Amino acid sequence: MSEMDPHIHVEQRVTHAGHDVRNLLASTFGLAADAPAVVTTGCGRQVPYAMTSPRPESVTCLACRDHAHREHLRFADQVEQLGRMPGSVISDDQATLAAERHRDLAQRFRSR
């Protein structure tokens, strides 16, 4: 982290990052976690949290964009499978909508 890196990255666990997850945890447990000072990115670097973004339009590191593309596609497949499982807590329709959202995000990370 000593060298100057002008790029904006994504967190390594891009599908678990961002305000949506923090809001869910805060509403579930009544606690709001602080954002970490330094995170591992999709390209394997350690960078300040402030140099990351879950928004495809903001990410300038190509390796991170590729990582986010793959992770969102993988997560979309997992969500669809969850929706089809008997006794799932989410309906098939909900799973399909969530999967579409992640596939859209994956496409937005891919095109640049």
Protein backbone atom coordinates (compact mmCIF):
# COMPACT_ATOMS: atom_id res chain seq x y z
CA MET A 1 0.00 0.00 0.00
CA SER A 2 3.04 2.26 0.04
CA GLU A 3 2.96 3.06 -3.68
CA MET A 4 0.42 5.51 -5.03
CA ASP A 5 -2.45 3.66 -6.68
CA PRO A 6 -4.81 6.03 -8.47
CA HIS A 7 -7.40 3.35 -9.25
CA ILE A 8 -10.77 2.74 -7.65
CA HIS A 9 -11.20 -0.94 -6.75
CA VAL A 10 -13.91 -3.31 -5.54
CA GLU A 11 -13.75 -5.26 -2.30
CA GLN A 12 -12.80 -8.89 -2.70
CA ARG A 13 -16.20 -9.93 -1.33
CA VAL A 14 -18.02 -7.51 -3.63
CA THR A 15 -21.43 -9.19 -3.28
CA HIS A 16 -21.21 -8.85 0.52
CA ALA A 17 -20.00 -5.25 0.50
CA GLY A 18 -21.82 -1.98 0.37
CA HIS A 19 -24.54 -0.10 2.17
CA ASP A 20 -27.28 -2.69 1.53
CA VAL A 21 -25.47 -5.32 3.57
CA ARG A 22 -24.60 -2.86 6.34
CA ASN A 23 -28.23 -1.69 6.50
CA LEU A 24 -29.46 -5.28 6.69
CA LEU A 25 -27.07 -6.08 9.54
CA ALA A 26 -27.94 -2.87 11.35
CA SER A 27 -31.68 -3.53 11.11
CA THR A 28 -31.30 -7.18 12.11
CA PHE A 29 -28.94 -6.78 15.06
CA GLY A 30 -29.38 -3.12 15.94
CA LEU A 31 -25.67 -2.50 15.41
CA ALA A 32 -23.92 -0.51 12.74
CA ALA A 33 -20.43 -1.73 11.97
CA ASP A 34 -17.72 0.75 11.16
CA ALA A 35 -16.28 0.55 7.69
CA PRO A 36 -12.80 -0.97 7.74
CA ALA A 37 -9.82 1.32 7.17
CA VAL A 38 -8.10 -1.06 4.71
CA VAL A 39 -9.66 -3.83 2.61
CA THR A 40 -8.49 -6.56 0.26
CA THR A 41 -9.62 -5.92 -3.29
CA GLY A 42 -10.69 -8.12 -6.16
CA CYS A 43 -7.22 -7.72 -7.69
CA GLY A 44 -5.57 -8.83 -4.45
CA ARG A 45 -4.26 -5.45 -3.27
CA GLN A 46 -4.70 -3.94 0.17
CA VAL A 47 -6.11 -0.43 -0.26
CA PRO A 48 -7.91 2.13 1.89
CA TYR A 49 -11.66 1.48 2.02
CA ALA A 50 -12.16 4.97 0.57
CA MET A 51 -10.50 3.76 -2.66
CA THR A 52 -13.23 1.15 -3.29
CA SER A 53 -16.71 1.32 -4.73
CA PRO A 54 -19.51 -1.19 -5.38
CA ARG A 55 -20.69 0.98 -8.30
CA PRO A 56 -19.45 -0.25 -11.70
CA GLU A 57 -19.24 3.28 -13.09
CA SER A 58 -16.69 4.24 -10.43
CA VAL A 59 -14.33 1.25 -10.59
CA THR A 60 -11.23 1.94 -12.71
CA CYS A 61 -9.11 -1.14 -11.90
CA LEU A 62 -9.65 -3.59 -14.78
CA ALA A 63 -8.71 -6.65 -12.70
CA CYS A 64 -11.28 -5.62 -10.07
CA ARG A 65 -13.92 -5.07 -12.76
CA ASP A 66 -13.30 -8.62 -14.06
CA HIS A 67 -13.46 -9.97 -10.51
CA ALA A 68 -16.74 -8.18 -9.79
CA HIS A 69 -18.19 -9.41 -13.09
CA ARG A 70 -17.44 -13.05 -12.19
CA GLU A 71 -18.59 -12.71 -8.58
CA HIS A 72 -21.95 -11.15 -9.48
CA LEU A 73 -22.61 -13.90 -12.06
CA ARG A 74 -21.68 -16.59 -9.52
CA PHE A 75 -23.90 -15.01 -6.87
CA ALA A 76 -26.82 -14.73 -9.32
CA ASP A 77 -26.59 -18.48 -9.98
CA GLN A 78 -26.52 -19.21 -6.23
CA VAL A 79 -29.57 -17.03 -5.57
CA GLU A 80 -31.55 -18.73 -8.34
CA GLN A 81 -30.71 -22.14 -6.90
CA LEU A 82 -31.78 -20.98 -3.44
CA GLY A 83 -35.14 -19.85 -4.79
CA ARG A 84 -35.81 -23.30 -6.28
CA MET A 85 -35.02 -25.22 -3.10
CA PRO A 86 -37.97 -26.68 -1.17
CA GLY A 87 -38.66 -24.68 1.97
CA SER A 88 -36.56 -21.72 0.82
CA VAL A 89 -37.14 -18.47 2.68
CA ILE A 90 -37.32 -16.61 -0.64
CA SER A 91 -39.75 -17.32 -3.42
CA ASP A 92 -38.75 -18.29 -6.91
CA ASP A 93 -39.92 -14.86 -8.14
CA GLN A 94 -37.82 -13.06 -5.52
CA ALA A 95 -34.80 -15.16 -6.42
CA THR A 96 -35.28 -14.42 -10.11
CA LEU A 97 -35.44 -10.66 -9.47
CA ALA A 98 -32.33 -10.74 -7.28
CA ALA A 99 -30.48 -12.84 -9.87
CA GLU A 100 -31.45 -10.40 -12.63
CA ARG A 101 -30.14 -7.51 -10.54
CA HIS A 102 -26.79 -9.22 -10.05
CA ARG A 103 -26.56 -10.19 -13.71
CA ASP A 104 -27.21 -6.56 -14.61
CA LEU A 105 -24.44 -5.49 -12.25
CA ALA A 106 -22.13 -8.11 -13.77
CA GLN A 107 -22.82 -6.72 -17.25
CA ARG A 108 -22.17 -3.17 -16.08
CA PHE A 109 -18.81 -4.23 -14.67
CA ARG A 110 -17.97 -6.00 -17.94
CA SER A 111 -18.77 -3.16 -20.33
CA ARG A 112 -16.28 -0.35 -20.21
